[in-house]
């Protein structure tokens, strides 16, 4: 007798589990449907079998190319492609030769002061870094 009661409880739990899976599947299907349509998901959304459309469906038609540009996934993909192009250009820039320009000068007046200064300036391209070193003797 006790064994039969446990079997019934087990079947009842399996039925409740399947019902929960079904509810989660319906919710997930609604989310995917809203994403496909390009509208925000609302938990109060109710799907009906009969659609009441007052206007002609041909008025709602959008060309594929225009509809594609309005999708969030397309915009994200376009940004990803742009970022990869920038990364490629940056990597290419690392392999390009660099040009350097240096200027050095020294001016000394031996009879007036003991302060002697040597100034060195560098400009490195393509990074456009400038560096200035002043060395005192």
C-alpha atoms as a PDB file:
ATOM      1  CA  UNK A   1       0.000   0.000   0.000  1.00  0.00           C
ATOM      2  CA  UNK A   2       2.766   2.433   0.960  1.00  0.00           C
ATOM      3  CA  UNK A   3       4.652   1.517  -2.225  1.00  0.00           C
ATOM      4  CA  UNK A   4       1.626   2.446  -4.362  1.00  0.00           C
ATOM      5  CA  UNK A   5       1.296   5.827  -2.620  1.00  0.00           C
ATOM      6  CA  UNK A   6       4.967   6.597  -3.328  1.00  0.00           C
ATOM      7  CA  UNK A   7       4.527   5.617  -7.004  1.00  0.00           C
ATOM      8  CA  UNK A   8       1.546   7.988  -7.290  1.00  0.00           C
ATOM      9  CA  UNK A   9       3.536  10.830  -5.665  1.00  0.00           C
ATOM     10  CA  UNK A  10       6.423  10.164  -8.050  1.00  0.00           C
ATOM     11  CA  UNK A  11       4.122  10.357 -11.083  1.00  0.00           C
ATOM     12  CA  UNK A  12       2.540  13.537  -9.704  1.00  0.00           C
ATOM     13  CA  UNK A  13       6.005  15.122  -9.326  1.00  0.00           C
ATOM     14  CA  UNK A  14       6.896  14.080 -12.887  1.00  0.00           C
ATOM     15  CA  UNK A  15       3.688  15.691 -14.179  1.00  0.00           C
ATOM     16  CA  UNK A  16       4.439  18.919 -12.264  1.00  0.00           C
ATOM     17  CA  UNK A  17       7.993  18.919 -13.643  1.00  0.00           C
ATOM     18  CA  UNK A  18       6.711  18.513 -17.209  1.00  0.00           C
ATOM     19  CA  UNK A  19       4.192  21.312 -16.662  1.00  0.00           C
ATOM     20  CA  UNK A  20       6.998  23.604 -15.458  1.00  0.00           C
ATOM     21  CA  UNK A  21       9.102  22.690 -18.495  1.00  0.00           C
ATOM     22  CA  UNK A  22       6.136  23.449 -20.753  1.00  0.00           C
ATOM     23  CA  UNK A  23       5.557  26.867 -19.126  1.00  0.00           C
ATOM     24  CA  UNK A  24       9.255  27.745 -19.408  1.00  0.00           C
ATOM     25  CA  UNK A  25       9.232  26.662 -23.053  1.00  0.00           C
ATOM     26  CA  UNK A  26       6.223  28.852 -23.825  1.00  0.00           C
ATOM     27  CA  UNK A  27       7.899  31.842 -22.148  1.00  0.00           C
ATOM     28  CA  UNK A  28      11.113  31.237 -24.056  1.00  0.00           C
ATOM     29  CA  UNK A  29       9.190  30.918 -27.332  1.00  0.00           C
ATOM     30  CA  UNK A  30       7.476  34.270 -26.652  1.00  0.00           C
ATOM     31  CA  UNK A  31      10.869  35.894 -25.977  1.00  0.00           C
ATOM     32  CA  UNK A  32      12.327  34.556 -29.218  1.00  0.00           C
ATOM     33  CA  UNK A  33       9.203  35.625 -31.128  1.00  0.00           C
ATOM     34  CA  UNK A  34       9.466  39.169 -29.738  1.00  0.00           C
ATOM     35  CA  UNK A  35      13.159  39.268 -30.624  1.00  0.00           C
ATOM     36  CA  UNK A  36      12.380  38.087 -34.151  1.00  0.00           C
ATOM     37  CA  UNK A  37       9.754  40.813 -34.548  1.00  0.00           C
ATOM     38  CA  UNK A  38      12.098  43.418 -33.079  1.00  0.00           C
ATOM     39  CA  UNK A  39       9.801  44.415 -30.214  1.00  0.00           C
ATOM     40  CA  UNK A  40      10.480  44.480 -26.483  1.00  0.00           C
ATOM     41  CA  UNK A  41       9.405  41.413 -24.519  1.00  0.00           C
ATOM     42  CA  UNK A  42       6.501  41.900 -22.124  1.00  0.00           C
ATOM     43  CA  UNK A  43       5.507  39.167 -19.672  1.00  0.00           C
ATOM     44  CA  UNK A  44       1.846  40.122 -20.080  1.00  0.00           C
ATOM     45  CA  UNK A  45       1.942  39.310 -23.803  1.00  0.00           C
ATOM     46  CA  UNK A  46      -0.907  37.026 -24.839  1.00  0.00           C
ATOM     47  CA  UNK A  47      -0.856  35.202 -28.165  1.00  0.00           C
ATOM     48  CA  UNK A  48      -4.169  34.624 -29.951  1.00  0.00           C
ATOM     49  CA  UNK A  49      -4.915  32.222 -32.749  1.00  0.00           C
ATOM     50  CA  UNK A  50      -6.989  34.780 -34.673  1.00  0.00           C
ATOM     51  CA  UNK A  51      -5.384  38.007 -35.827  1.00  0.00           C
ATOM     52  CA  UNK A  52      -7.638  40.993 -36.328  1.00  0.00           C
ATOM     53  CA  UNK A  53      -5.907  43.241 -38.846  1.00  0.00           C
ATOM     54  CA  UNK A  54      -7.948  46.203 -39.969  1.00  0.00           C
ATOM     55  CA  UNK A  55      -5.609  47.358 -42.685  1.00  0.00           C
ATOM     56  CA  UNK A  56      -4.186  45.634 -45.700  1.00  0.00           C
ATOM     57  CA  UNK A  57      -1.074  43.551 -44.834  1.00  0.00           C
ATOM     58  CA  UNK A  58       0.638  44.836 -47.972  1.00  0.00           C
ATOM     59  CA  UNK A  59       0.870  48.238 -46.255  1.00  0.00           C
ATOM     60  CA  UNK A  60       2.974  46.658 -43.500  1.00  0.00           C
ATOM     61  CA  UNK A  61       5.458  45.085 -45.918  1.00  0.00           C
ATOM     62  CA  UNK A  62       9.079  46.198 -45.590  1.00  0.00           C
ATOM     63  CA  UNK A  63      11.897  45.313 -47.972  1.00  0.00           C
ATOM     64  CA  UNK A  64      14.398  42.810 -46.595  1.00  0.00           C
ATOM     65  CA  UNK A  65      17.343  45.187 -46.898  1.00  0.00           C
ATOM     66  CA  UNK A  66      15.534  47.927 -44.933  1.00  0.00           C
ATOM     67  CA  UNK A  67      14.278  45.526 -42.277  1.00  0.00           C
ATOM     68  CA  UNK A  68      17.748  44.075 -41.824  1.00  0.00           C
ATOM     69  CA  UNK A  69      19.284  47.470 -41.087  1.00  0.00           C
ATOM     70  CA  UNK A  70      16.763  48.084 -38.299  1.00  0.00           C
ATOM     71  CA  UNK A  71      17.685  44.919 -36.377  1.00  0.00           C
ATOM     72  CA  UNK A  72      19.908  45.211 -33.300  1.00  0.00           C
ATOM     73  CA  UNK A  73      21.889  42.134 -34.295  1.00  0.00           C
ATOM     74  CA  UNK A  74      22.825  43.748 -37.604  1.00  0.00           C
ATOM     75  CA  UNK A  75      24.026  46.905 -35.842  1.00  0.00           C
ATOM     76  CA  UNK A  76      26.118  44.859 -33.401  1.00  0.00           C
ATOM     77  CA  UNK A  77      27.611  42.862 -36.251  1.00  0.00           C
ATOM     78  CA  UNK A  78      28.468  46.054 -38.137  1.00  0.00           C
ATOM     79  CA  UNK A  79      30.223  47.442 -35.043  1.00  0.00           C
ATOM     80  CA  UNK A  80      32.143  44.186 -34.622  1.00  0.00           C
ATOM     81  CA  UNK A  81      33.305  44.297 -38.236  1.00  0.00           C
ATOM     82  CA  UNK A  82      34.407  47.916 -37.791  1.00  0.00           C
ATOM     83  CA  UNK A  83      36.325  47.058 -34.599  1.00  0.00           C
ATOM     84  CA  UNK A  84      38.097  44.167 -36.324  1.00  0.00           C
ATOM     85  CA  UNK A  85      39.139  46.450 -39.196  1.00  0.00           C
ATOM     86  CA  UNK A  86      40.625  48.903 -36.706  1.00  0.00           C
ATOM     87  CA  UNK A  87      42.452  46.062 -34.940  1.00  0.00           C
ATOM     88  CA  UNK A  88      43.842  44.905 -38.289  1.00  0.00           C
ATOM     89  CA  UNK A  89      45.080  48.401 -39.117  1.00  0.00           C
ATOM     90  CA  UNK A  90      46.683  48.719 -35.677  1.00  0.00           C
ATOM     91  CA  UNK A  91      48.458  45.378 -36.075  1.00  0.00           C
ATOM     92  CA  UNK A  92      49.643  46.384 -39.554  1.00  0.00           C
ATOM     93  CA  UNK A  93      50.963  49.640 -38.108  1.00  0.00           C
ATOM     94  CA  UNK A  94      53.150  47.683 -35.691  1.00  0.00           C
ATOM     95  CA  UNK A  95      54.961  46.059 -38.637  1.00  0.00           C
ATOM     96  CA  UNK A  96      55.518  49.273 -40.616  1.00  0.00           C
ATOM     97  CA  UNK A  97      58.926  50.943 -40.383  1.00  0.00           C
ATOM     98  CA  UNK A  98      59.236  53.899 -38.051  1.00  0.00           C
ATOM     99  CA  UNK A  99      60.934  57.141 -38.901  1.00  0.00           C
ATOM    100  CA  UNK A 100      62.797  59.121 -36.304  1.00  0.00           C
ATOM    101  CA  UNK A 101      64.085  62.669 -36.305  1.00  0.00           C
ATOM    102  CA  UNK A 102      66.543  63.893 -33.734  1.00  0.00           C
ATOM    103  CA  UNK A 103      67.982  67.320 -32.997  1.00  0.00           C
ATOM    104  CA  UNK A 104      70.949  67.934 -30.759  1.00  0.00           C
ATOM    105  CA  UNK A 105      72.626  71.183 -29.942  1.00  0.00           C
ATOM    106  CA  UNK A 106      75.041  72.567 -27.416  1.00  0.00           C
ATOM    107  CA  UNK A 107      75.930  76.118 -26.646  1.00  0.00           C
ATOM    108  CA  UNK A 108      78.734  76.838 -24.226  1.00  0.00           C
ATOM    109  CA  UNK A 109      80.202  80.133 -23.045  1.00  0.00           C
ATOM    110  CA  UNK A 110      83.313  79.170 -21.130  1.00  0.00           C
ATOM    111  CA  UNK A 111      84.199  82.577 -19.817  1.00  0.00           C
ATOM    112  CA  UNK A 112      80.768  83.628 -18.410  1.00  0.00           C
ATOM    113  CA  UNK A 113      79.374  80.686 -16.422  1.00  0.00           C
ATOM    114  CA  UNK A 114      79.981  77.171 -15.200  1.00  0.00           C
ATOM    115  CA  UNK A 115      76.470  76.167 -16.230  1.00  0.00           C
ATOM    116  CA  UNK A 116      76.617  74.159 -19.452  1.00  0.00           C
ATOM    117  CA  UNK A 117      73.418  72.658 -20.952  1.00  0.00           C
ATOM    118  CA  UNK A 118      72.886  70.090 -23.690  1.00  0.00           C
ATOM    119  CA  UNK A 119      69.334  69.821 -25.041  1.00  0.00           C
ATOM    120  CA  UNK A 120      68.170  66.815 -27.095  1.00  0.00           C
ATOM    121  CA  UNK A 121      64.710  66.596 -28.747  1.00  0.00           C
ATOM    122  CA  UNK A 122      63.245  63.565 -30.506  1.00  0.00           C
ATOM    123  CA  UNK A 123      60.097  63.057 -32.534  1.00  0.00           C
ATOM    124  CA  UNK A 124      59.045  59.474 -33.297  1.00  0.00           C
ATOM    125  CA  UNK A 125      56.414  58.711 -35.935  1.00  0.00           C
ATOM    126  CA  UNK A 126      53.771  57.154 -36.340  1.00  0.00           C
ATOM    127  CA  UNK A 127      53.158  57.349 -32.592  1.00  0.00           C
ATOM    128  CA  UNK A 128      53.856  61.109 -32.650  1.00  0.00           C
ATOM    129  CA  UNK A 129      55.708  60.841 -29.390  1.00  0.00           C
ATOM    130  CA  UNK A 130      57.884  63.745 -28.462  1.00  0.00           C
ATOM    131  CA  UNK A 131      60.616  63.509 -25.906  1.00  0.00           C
ATOM    132  CA  UNK A 132      62.885  66.212 -24.635  1.00  0.00           C
ATOM    133  CA  UNK A 133      65.974  65.548 -22.521  1.00  0.00           C
ATOM    134  CA  UNK A 134      68.045  68.225 -20.893  1.00  0.00           C
ATOM    135  CA  UNK A 135      71.471  67.197 -19.618  1.00  0.00           C
ATOM    136  CA  UNK A 136      73.387  69.538 -17.316  1.00  0.00           C
ATOM    137  CA  UNK A 137      77.182  69.373 -17.081  1.00  0.00           C
END
